[in-house]
Amino acid sequence: MNLQELRWFVALTESENITAVAVEMHVTQPTLSRAIARLETGFGVRLFDRRHNRLHLNRYGEILRAHALRALSEVDSAHNRISTLADPNEGTVSLCFLHSLGEWLVPELISRYRAEHPKVRFELRGAAADSVVDDVRAGRSDLGFVAPEPSVDDLVWTPVATEPVCLLVPVRHRLARRKTVSFTEVAEDDFVALTPEYGLRQLTDRLARAAGFAPRIAFSVTEVGTMRAMIAAGVGVGVVPAPSAAADPPEGSVLVELRDRDAWRTIGMIRADRPLTSSVAEGFHHFILDTLDTSGLVP
């Protein structure tokens, strides 16, 4: 018994006309008859009753038909899934990334890729740095974009972009009219910051350590948008990504450039240190690598 014989059998149960099925399936009538005979021999029962030179599905045949339909449906589903995984031009790529990267880096890369591969779909999830790492390690996401570089051994990290950070202050803050400041100048200020699992919070803590103080975190939040809104309301200062913030600083707040040496972060692409599970994910991964300019960063 093989899949082709099962398909012939199912077709025959629908018409009960061996001549018509032979024509429909592009097979000779003797070949079809022998295939049905092999099925009946294999199961040890007749699957059709023969009356007046016609076939009539019997109760044994009805049982086989029900199971054959389910089996063929599962095989067809498997074939479709395998074809999708094997086709680099069609399928779904799952990406996880820092929330702030959803405002510039991720849309830009996907737009470029979709211009060449319009049938590829994406599942996108913004998350904290630790969650991005966990998703990629667990296989819930094919690739991730995160900063800083994770301190784990089972991920492959590729730097793809650098992103400066700025100080965001309320419009009436004493530093609001300055073009540049040093981080030491806000040592006594209240901070609005992301919670510790976020890369931007970790960068804020590093800047403070380098400046010789521990930031006084008055408000901990989980989204950069909330953080910027709180600063615009006048309750504190904070460190924000320059590209997204510069494009649309909230009313009531001002961006001030930080002149500290470490006031930037390297954004990297991460993947699990094992083969990607689909050709479409592998294709997007290679696209990112090919996009890197001579400095190793996305232009």
C-alpha atoms as a PDB file:
ATOM      1  CA  MET A   1       0.000   0.000   0.000  1.00  0.00           C
ATOM      2  CA  ASN A   2       1.300   3.436  -0.922  1.00  0.00           C
ATOM      3  CA  LEU A   3      -0.055   6.985  -0.957  1.00  0.00           C
ATOM      4  CA  GLN A   4      -0.985   6.816  -4.623  1.00  0.00           C
ATOM      5  CA  GLU A   5      -3.053   3.697  -4.062  1.00  0.00           C
ATOM      6  CA  LEU A   6      -4.811   5.395  -1.130  1.00  0.00           C
ATOM      7  CA  ARG A   7      -5.647   8.367  -3.343  1.00  0.00           C
ATOM      8  CA  TRP A   8      -7.044   6.049  -6.008  1.00  0.00           C
ATOM      9  CA  PHE A   9      -9.079   4.243  -3.369  1.00  0.00           C
ATOM     10  CA  VAL A  10     -10.571   7.504  -2.005  1.00  0.00           C
ATOM     11  CA  ALA A  11     -11.434   8.650  -5.529  1.00  0.00           C
ATOM     12  CA  LEU A  12     -13.108   5.319  -6.211  1.00  0.00           C
ATOM     13  CA  THR A  13     -15.191   5.566  -3.032  1.00  0.00           C
ATOM     14  CA  GLU A  14     -16.610   8.849  -4.302  1.00  0.00           C
ATOM     15  CA  SER A  15     -17.735   7.667  -7.732  1.00  0.00           C
ATOM     16  CA  GLU A  16     -17.803   3.859  -7.381  1.00  0.00           C
ATOM     17  CA  ASN A  17     -17.011   3.809 -11.099  1.00  0.00           C
ATOM     18  CA  ILE A  18     -13.664   2.280 -11.905  1.00  0.00           C
ATOM     19  CA  THR A  19     -13.668   3.470 -15.526  1.00  0.00           C
ATOM     20  CA  ALA A  20     -14.322   7.092 -14.577  1.00  0.00           C
ATOM     21  CA  VAL A  21     -11.660   7.049 -11.841  1.00  0.00           C
ATOM     22  CA  ALA A  22      -9.087   5.531 -14.180  1.00  0.00           C
ATOM     23  CA  VAL A  23      -9.663   8.397 -16.619  1.00  0.00           C
ATOM     24  CA  GLU A  24      -9.623  11.014 -13.841  1.00  0.00           C
ATOM     25  CA  MET A  25      -6.405   9.667 -12.320  1.00  0.00           C
ATOM     26  CA  HIS A  26      -4.664   9.092 -15.651  1.00  0.00           C
ATOM     27  CA  VAL A  27      -4.124   5.415 -14.947  1.00  0.00           C
ATOM     28  CA  THR A  28      -5.167   2.316 -16.861  1.00  0.00           C
ATOM     29  CA  GLN A  29      -8.189   0.432 -15.637  1.00  0.00           C
ATOM     30  CA  PRO A  30      -6.246  -2.844 -15.057  1.00  0.00           C
ATOM     31  CA  THR A  31      -3.635  -0.969 -12.985  1.00  0.00           C
ATOM     32  CA  LEU A  32      -6.368   0.583 -10.844  1.00  0.00           C
ATOM     33  CA  SER A  33      -8.098  -2.765 -10.400  1.00  0.00           C
ATOM     34  CA  ARG A  34      -4.840  -4.417  -9.288  1.00  0.00           C
ATOM     35  CA  ALA A  35      -4.205  -1.592  -6.793  1.00  0.00           C
ATOM     36  CA  ILE A  36      -7.623  -2.076  -5.183  1.00  0.00           C
ATOM     37  CA  ALA A  37      -7.046  -5.831  -5.116  1.00  0.00           C
ATOM     38  CA  ARG A  38      -3.725  -5.279  -3.289  1.00  0.00           C
ATOM     39  CA  LEU A  39      -5.473  -3.112  -0.694  1.00  0.00           C
ATOM     40  CA  GLU A  40      -8.117  -5.767  -0.132  1.00  0.00           C
ATOM     41  CA  THR A  41      -5.450  -8.465   0.166  1.00  0.00           C
ATOM     42  CA  GLY A  42      -3.505  -6.347   2.624  1.00  0.00           C
ATOM     43  CA  PHE A  43      -6.515  -5.798   4.890  1.00  0.00           C
ATOM     44  CA  GLY A  44      -7.838  -9.297   4.406  1.00  0.00           C
ATOM     45  CA  VAL A  45     -11.350  -8.153   3.501  1.00  0.00           C
ATOM     46  CA  ARG A  46     -13.260  -6.870   0.517  1.00  0.00           C
ATOM     47  CA  LEU A  47     -13.629  -3.097   0.559  1.00  0.00           C
ATOM     48  CA  PHE A  48     -16.288  -2.973  -2.140  1.00  0.00           C
ATOM     49  CA  ASP A  49     -19.232  -5.178  -2.882  1.00  0.00           C
ATOM     50  CA  ARG A  50     -19.664  -6.031  -6.562  1.00  0.00           C
ATOM     51  CA  ARG A  51     -23.252  -5.865  -7.718  1.00  0.00           C
ATOM     52  CA  HIS A  52     -24.447  -5.732 -11.320  1.00  0.00           C
ATOM     53  CA  ASN A  53     -20.929  -4.895 -12.581  1.00  0.00           C
ATOM     54  CA  ARG A  54     -20.708  -1.905 -10.245  1.00  0.00           C
ATOM     55  CA  LEU A  55     -18.734  -1.290  -7.072  1.00  0.00           C
ATOM     56  CA  HIS A  56     -20.461  -0.393  -3.818  1.00  0.00           C
ATOM     57  CA  LEU A  57     -18.431   0.694  -0.785  1.00  0.00           C
ATOM     58  CA  ASN A  58     -19.088  -1.645   2.139  1.00  0.00           C
ATOM     59  CA  ARG A  59     -18.622  -1.104   5.881  1.00  0.00           C
ATOM     60  CA  TYR A  60     -14.951  -2.152   5.756  1.00  0.00           C
ATOM     61  CA  GLY A  61     -14.342   0.276   2.946  1.00  0.00           C
ATOM     62  CA  GLU A  62     -16.087   3.034   4.889  1.00  0.00           C
ATOM     63  CA  ILE A  63     -13.690   2.520   7.808  1.00  0.00           C
ATOM     64  CA  LEU A  64     -10.657   2.647   5.517  1.00  0.00           C
ATOM     65  CA  ARG A  65     -12.027   5.702   3.700  1.00  0.00           C
ATOM     66  CA  ALA A  66     -12.362   7.663   6.974  1.00  0.00           C
ATOM     67  CA  HIS A  67      -8.797   6.870   8.016  1.00  0.00           C
ATOM     68  CA  ALA A  68      -7.409   7.359   4.512  1.00  0.00           C
ATOM     69  CA  LEU A  69      -8.910  10.846   4.293  1.00  0.00           C
ATOM     70  CA  ARG A  70      -7.264  11.821   7.587  1.00  0.00           C
ATOM     71  CA  ALA A  71      -3.946  10.273   6.602  1.00  0.00           C
ATOM     72  CA  LEU A  72      -3.873  11.987   3.211  1.00  0.00           C
ATOM     73  CA  SER A  73      -4.831  15.305   4.803  1.00  0.00           C
ATOM     74  CA  GLU A  74      -1.935  14.998   7.272  1.00  0.00           C
ATOM     75  CA  VAL A  75       0.508  14.062   4.513  1.00  0.00           C
ATOM     76  CA  ASP A  76      -0.631  17.001   2.379  1.00  0.00           C
ATOM     77  CA  SER A  77      -0.251  19.350   5.362  1.00  0.00           C
ATOM     78  CA  ALA A  78       3.245  18.027   6.000  1.00  0.00           C
ATOM     79  CA  HIS A  79       4.130  18.491   2.340  1.00  0.00           C
ATOM     80  CA  ASN A  80       2.922  22.093   2.422  1.00  0.00           C
ATOM     81  CA  ARG A  81       4.848  22.856   5.612  1.00  0.00           C
ATOM     82  CA  ILE A  82       8.034  21.284   4.295  1.00  0.00           C
ATOM     83  CA  SER A  83       7.707  23.134   0.987  1.00  0.00           C
ATOM     84  CA  THR A  84       7.276  26.415   2.850  1.00  0.00           C
ATOM     85  CA  LEU A  85      10.292  25.762   5.065  1.00  0.00           C
ATOM     86  CA  ALA A  86      12.400  24.798   2.069  1.00  0.00           C
ATOM     87  CA  ASP A  87      11.429  27.833  -0.034  1.00  0.00           C
ATOM     88  CA  PRO A  88      13.533  30.923   0.813  1.00  0.00           C
ATOM     89  CA  ASN A  89      11.105  33.164  -1.073  1.00  0.00           C
ATOM     90  CA  GLU A  90       7.921  32.249   0.771  1.00  0.00           C
ATOM     91  CA  GLY A  91       7.135  31.631   4.423  1.00  0.00           C
ATOM     92  CA  THR A  92       7.336  33.394   7.771  1.00  0.00           C
ATOM     93  CA  VAL A  93      10.298  34.820   9.678  1.00  0.00           C
ATOM     94  CA  SER A  94       9.830  35.403  13.401  1.00  0.00           C
ATOM     95  CA  LEU A  95      11.750  38.375  14.807  1.00  0.00           C
ATOM     96  CA  CYS A  96      12.111  39.631  18.364  1.00  0.00           C
ATOM     97  CA  PHE A  97      13.738  42.993  19.075  1.00  0.00           C
ATOM     98  CA  LEU A  98      14.048  45.871  21.504  1.00  0.00           C
ATOM     99  CA  HIS A  99      10.935  48.051  21.474  1.00  0.00           C
ATOM    100  CA  SER A 100      12.864  51.134  20.331  1.00  0.00           C
ATOM    101  CA  LEU A 101      14.261  49.283  17.299  1.00  0.00           C
ATOM    102  CA  GLY A 102      10.710  48.864  16.044  1.00  0.00           C
ATOM    103  CA  GLU A 103      10.746  52.593  15.278  1.00  0.00           C
ATOM    104  CA  TRP A 104      13.629  52.566  12.800  1.00  0.00           C
ATOM    105  CA  LEU A 105      15.993  49.607  12.308  1.00  0.00           C
ATOM    106  CA  VAL A 106      13.522  46.729  11.986  1.00  0.00           C
ATOM    107  CA  PRO A 107      11.065  48.487   9.608  1.00  0.00           C
ATOM    108  CA  GLU A 108      13.954  49.668   7.443  1.00  0.00           C
ATOM    109  CA  LEU A 109      15.487  46.205   7.100  1.00  0.00           C
ATOM    110  CA  ILE A 110      12.156  44.506   6.448  1.00  0.00           C
ATOM    111  CA  SER A 111      11.200  47.105   3.841  1.00  0.00           C
ATOM    112  CA  ARG A 112      14.439  46.474   1.938  1.00  0.00           C
ATOM    113  CA  TYR A 113      14.011  42.717   2.126  1.00  0.00           C
ATOM    114  CA  ARG A 114      10.353  42.693   1.087  1.00  0.00           C
ATOM    115  CA  ALA A 115      11.209  44.738  -1.997  1.00  0.00           C
ATOM    116  CA  GLU A 116      13.033  41.636  -3.253  1.00  0.00           C
ATOM    117  CA  HIS A 117      10.958  38.943  -1.502  1.00  0.00           C
ATOM    118  CA  PRO A 118       7.348  40.188  -1.428  1.00  0.00           C
ATOM    119  CA  LYS A 119       5.855  36.841  -0.399  1.00  0.00           C
ATOM    120  CA  VAL A 120       7.837  36.562   2.823  1.00  0.00           C
ATOM    121  CA  ARG A 121       5.824  37.296   5.962  1.00  0.00           C
ATOM    122  CA  PHE A 122       7.074  38.383   9.381  1.00  0.00           C
ATOM    123  CA  GLU A 123       5.978  37.783  12.954  1.00  0.00           C
ATOM    124  CA  LEU A 124       7.288  40.697  15.008  1.00  0.00           C
ATOM    125  CA  ARG A 125       7.585  41.061  18.779  1.00  0.00           C
ATOM    126  CA  GLY A 126       9.076  43.926  20.749  1.00  0.00           C
ATOM    127  CA  ALA A 127      10.495  43.008  24.136  1.00  0.00           C
ATOM    128  CA  ALA A 128      13.113  43.712  26.781  1.00  0.00           C
ATOM    129  CA  ALA A 129      16.692  42.636  26.071  1.00  0.00           C
ATOM    130  CA  ASP A 130      16.488  39.596  28.354  1.00  0.00           C
ATOM    131  CA  SER A 131      13.242  38.461  26.706  1.00  0.00           C
ATOM    132  CA  VAL A 132      14.732  38.828  23.215  1.00  0.00           C
ATOM    133  CA  VAL A 133      17.628  36.610  24.258  1.00  0.00           C
ATOM    134  CA  ASP A 134      15.310  34.037  25.858  1.00  0.00           C
ATOM    135  CA  ASP A 135      13.056  33.909  22.780  1.00  0.00           C
ATOM    136  CA  VAL A 136      15.928  33.246  20.392  1.00  0.00           C
ATOM    137  CA  ARG A 137      17.578  30.689  22.666  1.00  0.00           C
ATOM    138  CA  ALA A 138      14.281  28.817  23.074  1.00  0.00           C
ATOM    139  CA  GLY A 139      13.540  28.860  19.330  1.00  0.00           C
ATOM    140  CA  ARG A 140      10.413  30.988  19.689  1.00  0.00           C
ATOM    141  CA  SER A 141      12.040  33.569  17.398  1.00  0.00           C
ATOM    142  CA  ASP A 142      14.326  32.878  14.447  1.00  0.00           C
ATOM    143  CA  LEU A 143      16.405  36.020  14.930  1.00  0.00           C
ATOM    144  CA  GLY A 144      16.668  38.883  17.385  1.00  0.00           C
ATOM    145  CA  PHE A 145      18.018  42.426  17.476  1.00  0.00           C
ATOM    146  CA  VAL A 146      19.357  43.464  20.837  1.00  0.00           C
ATOM    147  CA  ALA A 147      21.840  45.582  22.776  1.00  0.00           C
ATOM    148  CA  PRO A 148      24.150  45.039  24.561  1.00  0.00           C
ATOM    149  CA  GLU A 149      25.805  41.803  23.443  1.00  0.00           C
ATOM    150  CA  PRO A 150      24.358  38.942  25.502  1.00  0.00           C
ATOM    151  CA  SER A 151      26.713  37.159  27.899  1.00  0.00           C
ATOM    152  CA  VAL A 152      25.780  33.638  26.831  1.00  0.00           C
ATOM    153  CA  ASP A 153      27.652  30.989  24.883  1.00  0.00           C
ATOM    154  CA  ASP A 154      24.859  29.496  22.783  1.00  0.00           C
ATOM    155  CA  LEU A 155      24.095  32.558  20.625  1.00  0.00           C
ATOM    156  CA  VAL A 156      25.846  34.014  17.588  1.00  0.00           C
ATOM    157  CA  TRP A 157      26.104  37.813  17.802  1.00  0.00           C
ATOM    158  CA  THR A 158      26.681  40.011  14.744  1.00  0.00           C
ATOM    159  CA  PRO A 159      26.966  43.802  15.211  1.00  0.00           C
ATOM    160  CA  VAL A 160      24.663  45.519  12.707  1.00  0.00           C
ATOM    161  CA  ALA A 161      24.335  49.166  13.789  1.00  0.00           C
ATOM    162  CA  THR A 162      25.450  51.781  16.274  1.00  0.00           C
ATOM    163  CA  GLU A 163      22.960  54.049  17.966  1.00  0.00           C
ATOM    164  CA  PRO A 164      23.802  57.169  19.984  1.00  0.00           C
ATOM    165  CA  VAL A 165      21.811  57.968  23.093  1.00  0.00           C
ATOM    166  CA  CYS A 166      20.786  61.378  24.369  1.00  0.00           C
ATOM    167  CA  LEU A 167      19.611  62.922  27.587  1.00  0.00           C
ATOM    168  CA  LEU A 168      15.929  63.818  27.570  1.00  0.00           C
ATOM    169  CA  VAL A 169      14.981  66.568  30.022  1.00  0.00           C
ATOM    170  CA  PRO A 170      11.819  68.570  30.760  1.00  0.00           C
ATOM    171  CA  VAL A 171      11.568  71.826  28.816  1.00  0.00           C
ATOM    172  CA  ARG A 172      12.019  73.857  32.034  1.00  0.00           C
ATOM    173  CA  HIS A 173      15.013  71.851  33.224  1.00  0.00           C
ATOM    174  CA  ARG A 174      18.204  73.784  33.984  1.00  0.00           C
ATOM    175  CA  LEU A 175      20.015  71.920  31.145  1.00  0.00           C
ATOM    176  CA  ALA A 176      17.267  72.318  28.551  1.00  0.00           C
ATOM    177  CA  ARG A 177      19.054  75.126  26.690  1.00  0.00           C
ATOM    178  CA  ARG A 178      22.396  73.353  26.534  1.00  0.00           C
ATOM    179  CA  LYS A 179      23.524  71.670  23.305  1.00  0.00           C
ATOM    180  CA  THR A 180      25.742  69.136  25.056  1.00  0.00           C
ATOM    181  CA  VAL A 181      26.139  67.971  28.627  1.00  0.00           C
ATOM    182  CA  SER A 182      28.185  65.496  30.621  1.00  0.00           C
ATOM    183  CA  PHE A 183      26.365  62.764  32.490  1.00  0.00           C
ATOM    184  CA  THR A 184      27.912  63.936  35.760  1.00  0.00           C
ATOM    185  CA  GLU A 185      25.699  67.022  35.528  1.00  0.00           C
ATOM    186  CA  VAL A 186      22.572  64.992  36.323  1.00  0.00           C
ATOM    187  CA  ALA A 187      24.015  63.084  39.279  1.00  0.00           C
ATOM    188  CA  GLU A 188      21.525  64.758  41.638  1.00  0.00           C
ATOM    189  CA  ASP A 189      18.465  64.475  39.365  1.00  0.00           C
ATOM    190  CA  ASP A 190      15.580  62.047  39.608  1.00  0.00           C
ATOM    191  CA  PHE A 191      15.601  59.561  36.726  1.00  0.00           C
ATOM    192  CA  VAL A 192      12.816  57.991  34.732  1.00  0.00           C
ATOM    193  CA  ALA A 193      14.247  54.695  33.481  1.00  0.00           C
ATOM    194  CA  LEU A 194      13.302  51.339  32.095  1.00  0.00           C
ATOM    195  CA  THR A 195      13.335  48.327  34.384  1.00  0.00           C
ATOM    196  CA  PRO A 196      16.692  46.516  34.820  1.00  0.00           C
ATOM    197  CA  GLU A 197      16.104  43.801  32.204  1.00  0.00           C
ATOM    198  CA  TYR A 198      16.110  46.394  29.405  1.00  0.00           C
ATOM    199  CA  GLY A 199      19.322  47.147  27.533  1.00  0.00           C
ATOM    200  CA  LEU A 200      18.715  50.906  27.694  1.00  0.00           C
ATOM    201  CA  ARG A 201      18.527  50.731  31.494  1.00  0.00           C
ATOM    202  CA  GLN A 202      21.757  48.756  31.580  1.00  0.00           C
ATOM    203  CA  LEU A 203      23.392  51.456  29.440  1.00  0.00           C
ATOM    204  CA  THR A 204      22.063  54.160  31.782  1.00  0.00           C
ATOM    205  CA  ASP A 205      23.607  52.345  34.748  1.00  0.00           C
ATOM    206  CA  ARG A 206      26.954  52.023  32.938  1.00  0.00           C
ATOM    207  CA  LEU A 207      27.003  55.725  32.075  1.00  0.00           C
ATOM    208  CA  ALA A 208      26.299  56.560  35.709  1.00  0.00           C
ATOM    209  CA  ARG A 209      29.037  54.246  36.984  1.00  0.00           C
ATOM    210  CA  ALA A 210      31.522  55.798  34.571  1.00  0.00           C
ATOM    211  CA  ALA A 211      30.464  59.239  35.828  1.00  0.00           C
ATOM    212  CA  GLY A 212      30.940  58.178  39.441  1.00  0.00           C
ATOM    213  CA  PHE A 213      27.387  58.008  40.769  1.00  0.00           C
ATOM    214  CA  ALA A 214      24.384  55.707  41.141  1.00  0.00           C
ATOM    215  CA  PRO A 215      21.304  57.042  39.332  1.00  0.00           C
ATOM    216  CA  ARG A 216      18.367  57.881  41.566  1.00  0.00           C
ATOM    217  CA  ILE A 217      15.588  55.970  39.803  1.00  0.00           C
ATOM    218  CA  ALA A 218      12.361  57.670  40.817  1.00  0.00           C
ATOM    219  CA  PHE A 219      10.193  55.969  38.182  1.00  0.00           C
ATOM    220  CA  SER A 220      10.685  52.541  36.577  1.00  0.00           C
ATOM    221  CA  VAL A 221       8.707  51.865  33.387  1.00  0.00           C
ATOM    222  CA  THR A 222       8.585  49.188  30.698  1.00  0.00           C
ATOM    223  CA  GLU A 223       8.204  51.276  27.528  1.00  0.00           C
ATOM    224  CA  VAL A 224      10.304  54.065  26.059  1.00  0.00           C
ATOM    225  CA  GLY A 225       7.120  55.916  25.081  1.00  0.00           C
ATOM    226  CA  THR A 226       5.951  56.011  28.702  1.00  0.00           C
ATOM    227  CA  MET A 227       9.400  57.075  29.796  1.00  0.00           C
ATOM    228  CA  ARG A 228       9.454  60.025  27.388  1.00  0.00           C
ATOM    229  CA  ALA A 229       5.936  61.067  28.396  1.00  0.00           C
ATOM    230  CA  MET A 230       6.885  61.049  32.076  1.00  0.00           C
ATOM    231  CA  ILE A 231       9.941  63.198  31.393  1.00  0.00           C
ATOM    232  CA  ALA A 232       7.839  65.622  29.359  1.00  0.00           C
ATOM    233  CA  ALA A 233       5.555  65.860  32.401  1.00  0.00           C
ATOM    234  CA  GLY A 234       8.521  67.187  34.361  1.00  0.00           C
ATOM    235  CA  VAL A 235       9.124  64.403  36.869  1.00  0.00           C
ATOM    236  CA  GLY A 236      12.719  63.551  35.942  1.00  0.00           C
ATOM    237  CA  VAL A 237      15.354  63.033  33.268  1.00  0.00           C
ATOM    238  CA  GLY A 238      16.336  59.959  31.290  1.00  0.00           C
ATOM    239  CA  VAL A 239      18.515  58.384  28.639  1.00  0.00           C
ATOM    240  CA  VAL A 240      16.749  57.683  25.338  1.00  0.00           C
ATOM    241  CA  PRO A 241      17.788  56.353  21.915  1.00  0.00           C
ATOM    242  CA  ALA A 242      18.694  59.255  19.650  1.00  0.00           C
ATOM    243  CA  PRO A 243      17.122  58.147  16.324  1.00  0.00           C
ATOM    244  CA  SER A 244      13.610  57.499  17.611  1.00  0.00           C
ATOM    245  CA  ALA A 245      13.587  60.368  20.081  1.00  0.00           C
ATOM    246  CA  ALA A 246      15.046  62.927  17.690  1.00  0.00           C
ATOM    247  CA  ALA A 247      12.364  62.236  15.141  1.00  0.00           C
ATOM    248  CA  ASP A 248       9.533  63.226  17.430  1.00  0.00           C
ATOM    249  CA  PRO A 249      10.526  64.483  20.903  1.00  0.00           C
ATOM    250  CA  PRO A 250       7.474  64.772  23.132  1.00  0.00           C
ATOM    251  CA  GLU A 251       6.070  68.237  23.670  1.00  0.00           C
ATOM    252  CA  GLY A 252       7.386  69.568  26.964  1.00  0.00           C
ATOM    253  CA  SER A 253      10.790  67.895  26.658  1.00  0.00           C
ATOM    254  CA  VAL A 254      14.160  68.660  25.079  1.00  0.00           C
ATOM    255  CA  LEU A 255      16.909  66.405  23.751  1.00  0.00           C
ATOM    256  CA  VAL A 256      20.427  67.228  24.861  1.00  0.00           C
ATOM    257  CA  GLU A 257      23.479  65.550  23.355  1.00  0.00           C
ATOM    258  CA  LEU A 258      25.668  63.584  25.745  1.00  0.00           C
ATOM    259  CA  ARG A 259      29.376  64.091  25.228  1.00  0.00           C
ATOM    260  CA  ASP A 260      30.357  61.089  27.328  1.00  0.00           C
ATOM    261  CA  ARG A 261      32.539  58.609  25.482  1.00  0.00           C
ATOM    262  CA  ASP A 262      30.161  55.703  26.100  1.00  0.00           C
ATOM    263  CA  ALA A 263      26.928  57.499  25.149  1.00  0.00           C
ATOM    264  CA  TRP A 264      26.064  55.045  22.389  1.00  0.00           C
ATOM    265  CA  ARG A 265      25.297  51.372  21.989  1.00  0.00           C
ATOM    266  CA  THR A 266      26.056  48.660  19.472  1.00  0.00           C
ATOM    267  CA  ILE A 267      22.993  46.836  18.218  1.00  0.00           C
ATOM    268  CA  GLY A 268      23.502  43.267  17.160  1.00  0.00           C
ATOM    269  CA  MET A 269      21.624  40.490  15.439  1.00  0.00           C
ATOM    270  CA  ILE A 270      21.458  37.257  17.418  1.00  0.00           C
ATOM    271  CA  ARG A 271      20.651  33.736  16.356  1.00  0.00           C
ATOM    272  CA  ALA A 272      20.908  30.441  18.174  1.00  0.00           C
ATOM    273  CA  ASP A 273      24.204  28.626  17.632  1.00  0.00           C
ATOM    274  CA  ARG A 274      22.492  25.943  15.582  1.00  0.00           C
ATOM    275  CA  PRO A 275      21.035  25.773  12.052  1.00  0.00           C
ATOM    276  CA  LEU A 276      17.980  27.928  11.450  1.00  0.00           C
ATOM    277  CA  THR A 277      14.816  25.877  11.065  1.00  0.00           C
ATOM    278  CA  SER A 278      13.632  27.296   7.732  1.00  0.00           C
ATOM    279  CA  SER A 279      15.097  28.427   4.439  1.00  0.00           C
ATOM    280  CA  VAL A 280      13.151  31.686   4.614  1.00  0.00           C
ATOM    281  CA  ALA A 281      14.742  32.576   7.977  1.00  0.00           C
ATOM    282  CA  GLU A 282      18.144  31.606   6.607  1.00  0.00           C
ATOM    283  CA  GLY A 283      17.508  33.827   3.590  1.00  0.00           C
ATOM    284  CA  PHE A 284      16.696  36.860   5.743  1.00  0.00           C
ATOM    285  CA  HIS A 285      19.747  36.161   7.902  1.00  0.00           C
ATOM    286  CA  HIS A 286      22.018  36.129   4.849  1.00  0.00           C
ATOM    287  CA  PHE A 287      20.354  39.305   3.573  1.00  0.00           C
ATOM    288  CA  ILE A 288      21.320  41.095   6.802  1.00  0.00           C
ATOM    289  CA  LEU A 289      24.890  39.869   6.507  1.00  0.00           C
ATOM    290  CA  ASP A 290      25.072  40.969   2.870  1.00  0.00           C
ATOM    291  CA  THR A 291      23.651  44.380   3.798  1.00  0.00           C
ATOM    292  CA  LEU A 292      26.464  45.147   6.212  1.00  0.00           C
ATOM    293  CA  ASP A 293      28.788  47.771   4.797  1.00  0.00           C
ATOM    294  CA  THR A 294      32.580  47.616   4.883  1.00  0.00           C
ATOM    295  CA  SER A 295      32.648  48.804   8.509  1.00  0.00           C
ATOM    296  CA  GLY A 296      30.460  45.873   9.484  1.00  0.00           C
ATOM    297  CA  LEU A 297      27.410  48.029  10.170  1.00  0.00           C
ATOM    298  CA  VAL A 298      24.132  48.462   8.346  1.00  0.00           C
ATOM    299  CA  PRO A 299      24.432  51.646   6.247  1.00  0.00           C
END
